[in-house]
Amino acid sequence: MNFRILLMSVAMAATAGVVWAKLPAAPADPAKAAEAKAKADEAAKKDADLLGKYQDKAAANYRKNKGIKGPVPKVGGK
């Protein structure tokens, strides 16, 4: 029984190195990299706009439910 455990432990340790080996990076095409960066920047900007919109909506809902009257304070110089 102990031999099986030892054998399985050795086999698992041997395969762990193969599984966790770092593969070399594929050569990157500068045009594709620039396009991907532009898409990521555009998506980040869109997400930031949506986040701000929904934060304002949540704040308005909170103010309405708590009965807070008066002007909404401006944050961040908007």
PDB file of N, CA and C in Angstrom:
ATOM      1  N   MET A   1       0.823  -1.186   0.000  1.00  0.00           N
ATOM      2  CA  MET A   1       0.000   0.000   0.000  1.00  0.00           C
ATOM      3  C   MET A   1       0.868   1.252   0.000  1.00  0.00           C
ATOM      4  N   ASN A   2       1.930   1.264   0.814  1.00  0.00           N
ATOM      5  CA  ASN A   2       2.805   2.427   0.866  1.00  0.00           C
ATOM      6  C   ASN A   2       3.544   2.623  -0.454  1.00  0.00           C
ATOM      7  N   PHE A   3       3.836   1.519  -1.150  1.00  0.00           N
ATOM      8  CA  PHE A   3       4.513   1.624  -2.438  1.00  0.00           C
ATOM      9  C   PHE A   3       3.623   2.351  -3.447  1.00  0.00           C
ATOM     10  N   ARG A   4       2.317   2.074  -3.421  1.00  0.00           N
ATOM     11  CA  ARG A   4       1.379   2.756  -4.317  1.00  0.00           C
ATOM     12  C   ARG A   4       1.347   4.248  -4.050  1.00  0.00           C
ATOM     13  N   ILE A   5       1.312   4.610  -2.790  1.00  0.00           N
ATOM     14  CA  ILE A   5       1.287   6.020  -2.427  1.00  0.00           C
ATOM     15  C   ILE A   5       2.567   6.702  -2.882  1.00  0.00           C
ATOM     16  N   LEU A   6       3.701   6.061  -2.659  1.00  0.00           N
ATOM     17  CA  LEU A   6       4.980   6.615  -3.086  1.00  0.00           C
ATOM     18  C   LEU A   6       5.030   6.744  -4.601  1.00  0.00           C
ATOM     19  N   LEU A   7       4.595   5.733  -5.319  1.00  0.00           N
ATOM     20  CA  LEU A   7       4.605   5.764  -6.768  1.00  0.00           C
ATOM     21  C   LEU A   7       3.696   6.870  -7.305  1.00  0.00           C
ATOM     22  N   MET A   8       2.511   7.001  -6.756  1.00  0.00           N
ATOM     23  CA  MET A   8       1.592   8.054  -7.191  1.00  0.00           C
ATOM     24  C   MET A   8       2.141   9.443  -6.870  1.00  0.00           C
ATOM     25  N   SER A   9       2.786   9.597  -5.722  1.00  0.00           N
ATOM     26  CA  SER A   9       3.368  10.882  -5.355  1.00  0.00           C
ATOM     27  C   SER A   9       4.472  11.281  -6.321  1.00  0.00           C
ATOM     28  N   VAL A  10       5.311  10.324  -6.687  1.00  0.00           N
ATOM     29  CA  VAL A  10       6.392  10.601  -7.635  1.00  0.00           C
ATOM     30  C   VAL A  10       5.813  10.946  -9.007  1.00  0.00           C
ATOM     31  N   ALA A  11       4.808  10.218  -9.436  1.00  0.00           N
ATOM     32  CA  ALA A  11       4.185  10.485 -10.732  1.00  0.00           C
ATOM     33  C   ALA A  11       3.532  11.860 -10.754  1.00  0.00           C
ATOM     34  N   MET A  12       2.854  12.216  -9.681  1.00  0.00           N
ATOM     35  CA  MET A  12       2.195  13.528  -9.616  1.00  0.00           C
ATOM     36  C   MET A  12       3.224  14.650  -9.585  1.00  0.00           C
ATOM     37  N   ALA A  13       4.328  14.457  -8.860  1.00  0.00           N
ATOM     38  CA  ALA A  13       5.373  15.475  -8.809  1.00  0.00           C
ATOM     39  C   ALA A  13       6.032  15.642 -10.169  1.00  0.00           C
ATOM     40  N   ALA A  14       6.201  14.566 -10.890  1.00  0.00           N
ATOM     41  CA  ALA A  14       6.827  14.643 -12.217  1.00  0.00           C
ATOM     42  C   ALA A  14       5.925  15.365 -13.205  1.00  0.00           C
ATOM     43  N   THR A  15       4.635  15.105 -13.147  1.00  0.00           N
ATOM     44  CA  THR A  15       3.728  15.758 -14.090  1.00  0.00           C
ATOM     45  C   THR A  15       3.439  17.198 -13.697  1.00  0.00           C
ATOM     46  N   ALA A  16       3.601  17.541 -12.433  1.00  0.00           N
ATOM     47  CA  ALA A  16       3.333  18.915 -12.003  1.00  0.00           C
ATOM     48  C   ALA A  16       4.297  19.886 -12.675  1.00  0.00           C
ATOM     49  N   GLY A  17       5.538  19.490 -12.832  1.00  0.00           N
ATOM     50  CA  GLY A  17       6.505  20.352 -13.499  1.00  0.00           C
ATOM     51  C   GLY A  17       6.138  20.596 -14.942  1.00  0.00           C
ATOM     52  N   VAL A  18       5.628  19.579 -15.604  1.00  0.00           N
ATOM     53  CA  VAL A  18       5.223  19.722 -17.001  1.00  0.00           C
ATOM     54  C   VAL A  18       3.992  20.605 -17.104  1.00  0.00           C
ATOM     55  N   VAL A  19       3.062  20.428 -16.207  1.00  0.00           N
ATOM     56  CA  VAL A  19       1.817  21.190 -16.253  1.00  0.00           C
ATOM     57  C   VAL A  19       2.067  22.665 -15.967  1.00  0.00           C
ATOM     58  N   TRP A  20       2.952  22.966 -15.029  1.00  0.00           N
ATOM     59  CA  TRP A  20       3.193  24.351 -14.633  1.00  0.00           C
ATOM     60  C   TRP A  20       4.316  25.020 -15.417  1.00  0.00           C
ATOM     61  N   ALA A  21       4.842  24.343 -16.410  1.00  0.00           N
ATOM     62  CA  ALA A  21       5.935  24.918 -17.191  1.00  0.00           C
ATOM     63  C   ALA A  21       5.423  26.139 -17.947  1.00  0.00           C
ATOM     64  N   LYS A  22       6.243  27.162 -17.992  1.00  0.00           N
ATOM     65  CA  LYS A  22       5.846  28.386 -18.681  1.00  0.00           C
ATOM     66  C   LYS A  22       6.176  28.243 -20.158  1.00  0.00           C
ATOM     67  N   LEU A  23       5.196  28.433 -20.986  1.00  0.00           N
ATOM     68  CA  LEU A  23       5.400  28.347 -22.412  1.00  0.00           C
ATOM     69  C   LEU A  23       5.952  29.679 -22.914  1.00  0.00           C
ATOM     70  N   PRO A  24       6.763  29.649 -23.956  1.00  0.00           N
ATOM     71  CA  PRO A  24       7.286  30.907 -24.487  1.00  0.00           C
ATOM     72  C   PRO A  24       6.155  31.729 -25.109  1.00  0.00           C
ATOM     73  N   ALA A  25       6.291  33.025 -25.007  1.00  0.00           N
ATOM     74  CA  ALA A  25       5.261  33.908 -25.548  1.00  0.00           C
ATOM     75  C   ALA A  25       5.307  33.893 -27.070  1.00  0.00           C
ATOM     76  N   ALA A  26       4.148  33.929 -27.667  1.00  0.00           N
ATOM     77  CA  ALA A  26       4.073  33.965 -29.120  1.00  0.00           C
ATOM     78  C   ALA A  26       4.510  35.348 -29.600  1.00  0.00           C
ATOM     79  N   PRO A  27       5.131  35.432 -30.748  1.00  0.00           N
ATOM     80  CA  PRO A  27       5.538  36.738 -31.254  1.00  0.00           C
ATOM     81  C   PRO A  27       4.305  37.617 -31.491  1.00  0.00           C
ATOM     82  N   ALA A  28       4.372  38.834 -31.010  1.00  0.00           N
ATOM     83  CA  ALA A  28       3.220  39.731 -31.084  1.00  0.00           C
ATOM     84  C   ALA A  28       3.300  40.602 -32.331  1.00  0.00           C
ATOM     85  N   ASP A  29       2.172  40.774 -32.964  1.00  0.00           N
ATOM     86  CA  ASP A  29       2.082  41.656 -34.121  1.00  0.00           C
ATOM     87  C   ASP A  29       1.763  43.058 -33.604  1.00  0.00           C
ATOM     88  N   PRO A  30       2.578  44.052 -33.885  1.00  0.00           N
ATOM     89  CA  PRO A  30       2.344  45.404 -33.351  1.00  0.00           C
ATOM     90  C   PRO A  30       0.988  45.981 -33.754  1.00  0.00           C
ATOM     91  N   ALA A  31       0.529  45.690 -34.959  1.00  0.00           N
ATOM     92  CA  ALA A  31      -0.757  46.227 -35.400  1.00  0.00           C
ATOM     93  C   ALA A  31      -1.900  45.621 -34.591  1.00  0.00           C
ATOM     94  N   LYS A  32      -1.827  44.313 -34.365  1.00  0.00           N
ATOM     95  CA  LYS A  32      -2.874  43.655 -33.580  1.00  0.00           C
ATOM     96  C   LYS A  32      -2.837  44.125 -32.130  1.00  0.00           C
ATOM     97  N   ALA A  33      -1.627  44.331 -31.607  1.00  0.00           N
ATOM     98  CA  ALA A  33      -1.493  44.790 -30.228  1.00  0.00           C
ATOM     99  C   ALA A  33      -2.085  46.187 -30.075  1.00  0.00           C
ATOM    100  N   ALA A  34      -1.834  47.067 -31.044  1.00  0.00           N
ATOM    101  CA  ALA A  34      -2.379  48.425 -30.988  1.00  0.00           C
ATOM    102  C   ALA A  34      -3.902  48.401 -31.090  1.00  0.00           C
ATOM    103  N   GLU A  35      -4.420  47.536 -31.949  1.00  0.00           N
ATOM    104  CA  GLU A  35      -5.874  47.426 -32.098  1.00  0.00           C
ATOM    105  C   GLU A  35      -6.510  46.891 -30.819  1.00  0.00           C
ATOM    106  N   ALA A  36      -5.881  45.887 -30.219  1.00  0.00           N
ATOM    107  CA  ALA A  36      -6.410  45.324 -28.977  1.00  0.00           C
ATOM    108  C   ALA A  36      -6.364  46.361 -27.856  1.00  0.00           C
ATOM    109  N   LYS A  37      -5.299  47.153 -27.807  1.00  0.00           N
ATOM    110  CA  LYS A  37      -5.192  48.196 -26.781  1.00  0.00           C
ATOM    111  C   LYS A  37      -6.267  49.256 -26.983  1.00  0.00           C
ATOM    112  N   ALA A  38      -6.512  49.629 -28.235  1.00  0.00           N
ATOM    113  CA  ALA A  38      -7.553  50.620 -28.520  1.00  0.00           C
ATOM    114  C   ALA A  38      -8.928  50.097 -28.105  1.00  0.00           C
ATOM    115  N   LYS A  39      -9.197  48.824 -28.402  1.00  0.00           N
ATOM    116  CA  LYS A  39     -10.479  48.229 -28.003  1.00  0.00           C
ATOM    117  C   LYS A  39     -10.608  48.178 -26.486  1.00  0.00           C
ATOM    118  N   ALA A  40      -9.516  47.820 -25.809  1.00  0.00           N
ATOM    119  CA  ALA A  40      -9.552  47.749 -24.349  1.00  0.00           C
ATOM    120  C   ALA A  40      -9.756  49.123 -23.742  1.00  0.00           C
ATOM    121  N   ASP A  41      -9.106  50.144 -24.306  1.00  0.00           N
ATOM    122  CA  ASP A  41      -9.287  51.507 -23.799  1.00  0.00           C
ATOM    123  C   ASP A  41     -10.720  51.987 -23.997  1.00  0.00           C
ATOM    124  N   GLU A  42     -11.277  51.689 -25.164  1.00  0.00           N
ATOM    125  CA  GLU A  42     -12.651  52.093 -25.439  1.00  0.00           C
ATOM    126  C   GLU A  42     -13.633  51.385 -24.500  1.00  0.00           C
ATOM    127  N   ALA A  43     -13.404  50.103 -24.261  1.00  0.00           N
ATOM    128  CA  ALA A  43     -14.267  49.339 -23.361  1.00  0.00           C
ATOM    129  C   ALA A  43     -14.142  49.859 -21.927  1.00  0.00           C
ATOM    130  N   ALA A  44     -12.920  50.209 -21.513  1.00  0.00           N
ATOM    131  CA  ALA A  44     -12.720  50.747 -20.159  1.00  0.00           C
ATOM    132  C   ALA A  44     -13.428  52.084 -20.006  1.00  0.00           C
ATOM    133  N   LYS A  45     -13.369  52.922 -21.037  1.00  0.00           N
ATOM    134  CA  LYS A  45     -14.047  54.219 -20.980  1.00  0.00           C
ATOM    135  C   LYS A  45     -15.563  54.034 -20.902  1.00  0.00           C
ATOM    136  N   LYS A  46     -16.075  53.106 -21.700  1.00  0.00           N
ATOM    137  CA  LYS A  46     -17.515  52.834 -21.688  1.00  0.00           C
ATOM    138  C   LYS A  46     -17.941  52.299 -20.321  1.00  0.00           C
ATOM    139  N   ASP A  47     -17.145  51.388 -19.749  1.00  0.00           N
ATOM    140  CA  ASP A  47     -17.458  50.843 -18.434  1.00  0.00           C
ATOM    141  C   ASP A  47     -17.422  51.921 -17.359  1.00  0.00           C
ATOM    142  N   ALA A  48     -16.464  52.843 -17.455  1.00  0.00           N
ATOM    143  CA  ALA A  48     -16.374  53.923 -16.473  1.00  0.00           C
ATOM    144  C   ALA A  48     -17.584  54.845 -16.573  1.00  0.00           C
ATOM    145  N   ASP A  49     -18.021  55.134 -17.793  1.00  0.00           N
ATOM    146  CA  ASP A  49     -19.214  55.967 -17.968  1.00  0.00           C
ATOM    147  C   ASP A  49     -20.454  55.291 -17.391  1.00  0.00           C
ATOM    148  N   LEU A  50     -20.596  53.986 -17.661  1.00  0.00           N
ATOM    149  CA  LEU A  50     -21.742  53.250 -17.123  1.00  0.00           C
ATOM    150  C   LEU A  50     -21.684  53.184 -15.600  1.00  0.00           C
ATOM    151  N   LEU A  51     -20.491  52.998 -15.039  1.00  0.00           N
ATOM    152  CA  LEU A  51     -20.343  52.958 -13.593  1.00  0.00           C
ATOM    153  C   LEU A  51     -20.782  54.278 -12.982  1.00  0.00           C
ATOM    154  N   GLY A  52     -20.338  55.390 -13.551  1.00  0.00           N
ATOM    155  CA  GLY A  52     -20.739  56.704 -13.046  1.00  0.00           C
ATOM    156  C   GLY A  52     -22.245  56.909 -13.134  1.00  0.00           C
ATOM    157  N   LYS A  53     -22.827  56.468 -14.243  1.00  0.00           N
ATOM    158  CA  LYS A  53     -24.276  56.595 -14.433  1.00  0.00           C
ATOM    159  C   LYS A  53     -25.034  55.836 -13.350  1.00  0.00           C
ATOM    160  N   TYR A  54     -24.620  54.591 -13.110  1.00  0.00           N
ATOM    161  CA  TYR A  54     -25.334  53.770 -12.138  1.00  0.00           C
ATOM    162  C   TYR A  54     -25.036  54.197 -10.694  1.00  0.00           C
ATOM    163  N   GLN A  55     -23.870  54.774 -10.458  1.00  0.00           N
ATOM    164  CA  GLN A  55     -23.598  55.316  -9.122  1.00  0.00           C
ATOM    165  C   GLN A  55     -24.501  56.512  -8.855  1.00  0.00           C
ATOM    166  N   ASP A  56     -24.686  57.376  -9.869  1.00  0.00           N
ATOM    167  CA  ASP A  56     -25.591  58.509  -9.714  1.00  0.00           C
ATOM    168  C   ASP A  56     -27.021  58.034  -9.489  1.00  0.00           C
ATOM    169  N   LYS A  57     -27.412  56.983 -10.209  1.00  0.00           N
ATOM    170  CA  LYS A  57     -28.763  56.432 -10.054  1.00  0.00           C
ATOM    171  C   LYS A  57     -28.962  55.858  -8.649  1.00  0.00           C
ATOM    172  N   ALA A  58     -27.938  55.158  -8.139  1.00  0.00           N
ATOM    173  CA  ALA A  58     -28.025  54.579  -6.798  1.00  0.00           C
ATOM    174  C   ALA A  58     -28.079  55.682  -5.741  1.00  0.00           C
ATOM    175  N   ALA A  59     -27.294  56.733  -5.925  1.00  0.00           N
ATOM    176  CA  ALA A  59     -27.296  57.844  -4.969  1.00  0.00           C
ATOM    177  C   ALA A  59     -28.652  58.549  -4.978  1.00  0.00           C
ATOM    178  N   ALA A  60     -29.229  58.739  -6.166  1.00  0.00           N
ATOM    179  CA  ALA A  60     -30.543  59.376  -6.254  1.00  0.00           C
ATOM    180  C   ALA A  60     -31.603  58.509  -5.579  1.00  0.00           C
ATOM    181  N   ASN A  61     -31.526  57.208  -5.758  1.00  0.00           N
ATOM    182  CA  ASN A  61     -32.472  56.294  -5.125  1.00  0.00           C
ATOM    183  C   ASN A  61     -32.327  56.346  -3.601  1.00  0.00           C
ATOM    184  N   TYR A  62     -31.089  56.371  -3.114  1.00  0.00           N
ATOM    185  CA  TYR A  62     -30.837  56.467  -1.680  1.00  0.00           C
ATOM    186  C   TYR A  62     -31.414  57.760  -1.119  1.00  0.00           C
ATOM    187  N   ARG A  63     -31.147  58.874  -1.804  1.00  0.00           N
ATOM    188  CA  ARG A  63     -31.643  60.167  -1.332  1.00  0.00           C
ATOM    189  C   ARG A  63     -33.177  60.180  -1.313  1.00  0.00           C
ATOM    190  N   LYS A  64     -33.798  59.570  -2.347  1.00  0.00           N
ATOM    191  CA  LYS A  64     -35.256  59.547  -2.420  1.00  0.00           C
ATOM    192  C   LYS A  64     -35.835  58.720  -1.268  1.00  0.00           C
ATOM    193  N   ASN A  65     -35.241  57.548  -1.005  1.00  0.00           N
ATOM    194  CA  ASN A  65     -35.770  56.657   0.028  1.00  0.00           C
ATOM    195  C   ASN A  65     -35.512  57.175   1.436  1.00  0.00           C
ATOM    196  N   LYS A  66     -34.444  57.936   1.633  1.00  0.00           N
ATOM    197  CA  LYS A  66     -34.145  58.489   2.952  1.00  0.00           C
ATOM    198  C   LYS A  66     -34.831  59.831   3.179  1.00  0.00           C
ATOM    199  N   GLY A  67     -35.461  60.373   2.140  1.00  0.00           N
ATOM    200  CA  GLY A  67     -36.168  61.637   2.269  1.00  0.00           C
ATOM    201  C   GLY A  67     -35.233  62.831   2.350  1.00  0.00           C
ATOM    202  N   ILE A  68     -34.094  62.739   1.748  1.00  0.00           N
ATOM    203  CA  ILE A  68     -33.121  63.834   1.771  1.00  0.00           C
ATOM    204  C   ILE A  68     -33.511  64.848   0.709  1.00  0.00           C
ATOM    205  N   LYS A  69     -33.663  66.070   1.129  1.00  0.00           N
ATOM    206  CA  LYS A  69     -34.036  67.149   0.218  1.00  0.00           C
ATOM    207  C   LYS A  69     -32.824  68.035  -0.022  1.00  0.00           C
ATOM    208  N   GLY A  70     -32.908  68.849  -1.000  1.00  0.00           N
ATOM    209  CA  GLY A  70     -31.837  69.792  -1.282  1.00  0.00           C
ATOM    210  C   GLY A  70     -31.046  69.377  -2.506  1.00  0.00           C
ATOM    211  N   PRO A  71     -30.111  70.243  -2.887  1.00  0.00           N
ATOM    212  CA  PRO A  71     -29.340  69.951  -4.093  1.00  0.00           C
ATOM    213  C   PRO A  71     -28.354  68.796  -3.870  1.00  0.00           C
ATOM    214  N   VAL A  72     -28.063  68.128  -4.946  1.00  0.00           N
ATOM    215  CA  VAL A  72     -27.106  67.034  -4.898  1.00  0.00           C
ATOM    216  C   VAL A  72     -25.710  67.645  -4.863  1.00  0.00           C
ATOM    217  N   PRO A  73     -24.889  67.251  -3.896  1.00  0.00           N
ATOM    218  CA  PRO A  73     -23.532  67.805  -3.842  1.00  0.00           C
ATOM    219  C   PRO A  73     -22.710  67.340  -5.044  1.00  0.00           C
ATOM    220  N   LYS A  74     -21.911  68.265  -5.583  1.00  0.00           N
ATOM    221  CA  LYS A  74     -21.056  67.923  -6.726  1.00  0.00           C
ATOM    222  C   LYS A  74     -19.747  67.344  -6.203  1.00  0.00           C
ATOM    223  N   VAL A  75     -19.365  66.209  -6.764  1.00  0.00           N
ATOM    224  CA  VAL A  75     -18.148  65.521  -6.338  1.00  0.00           C
ATOM    225  C   VAL A  75     -17.221  65.408  -7.524  1.00  0.00           C
ATOM    226  N   GLY A  76     -15.952  65.653  -7.317  1.00  0.00           N
ATOM    227  CA  GLY A  76     -14.975  65.485  -8.371  1.00  0.00           C
ATOM    228  C   GLY A  76     -14.965  66.587  -9.396  1.00  0.00           C
ATOM    229  N   GLY A  77     -15.541  67.719  -9.115  1.00  0.00           N
ATOM    230  CA  GLY A  77     -15.517  68.845 -10.029  1.00  0.00           C
ATOM    231  C   GLY A  77     -16.334  68.636 -11.294  1.00  0.00           C
ATOM    232  N   LYS A  78     -17.370  67.840 -11.227  1.00  0.00           N
ATOM    233  CA  LYS A  78     -18.212  67.592 -12.400  1.00  0.00           C
ATOM    234  C   LYS A  78     -19.163  68.734 -12.626  1.00  0.00           C
TER     235      LYS A  78
END
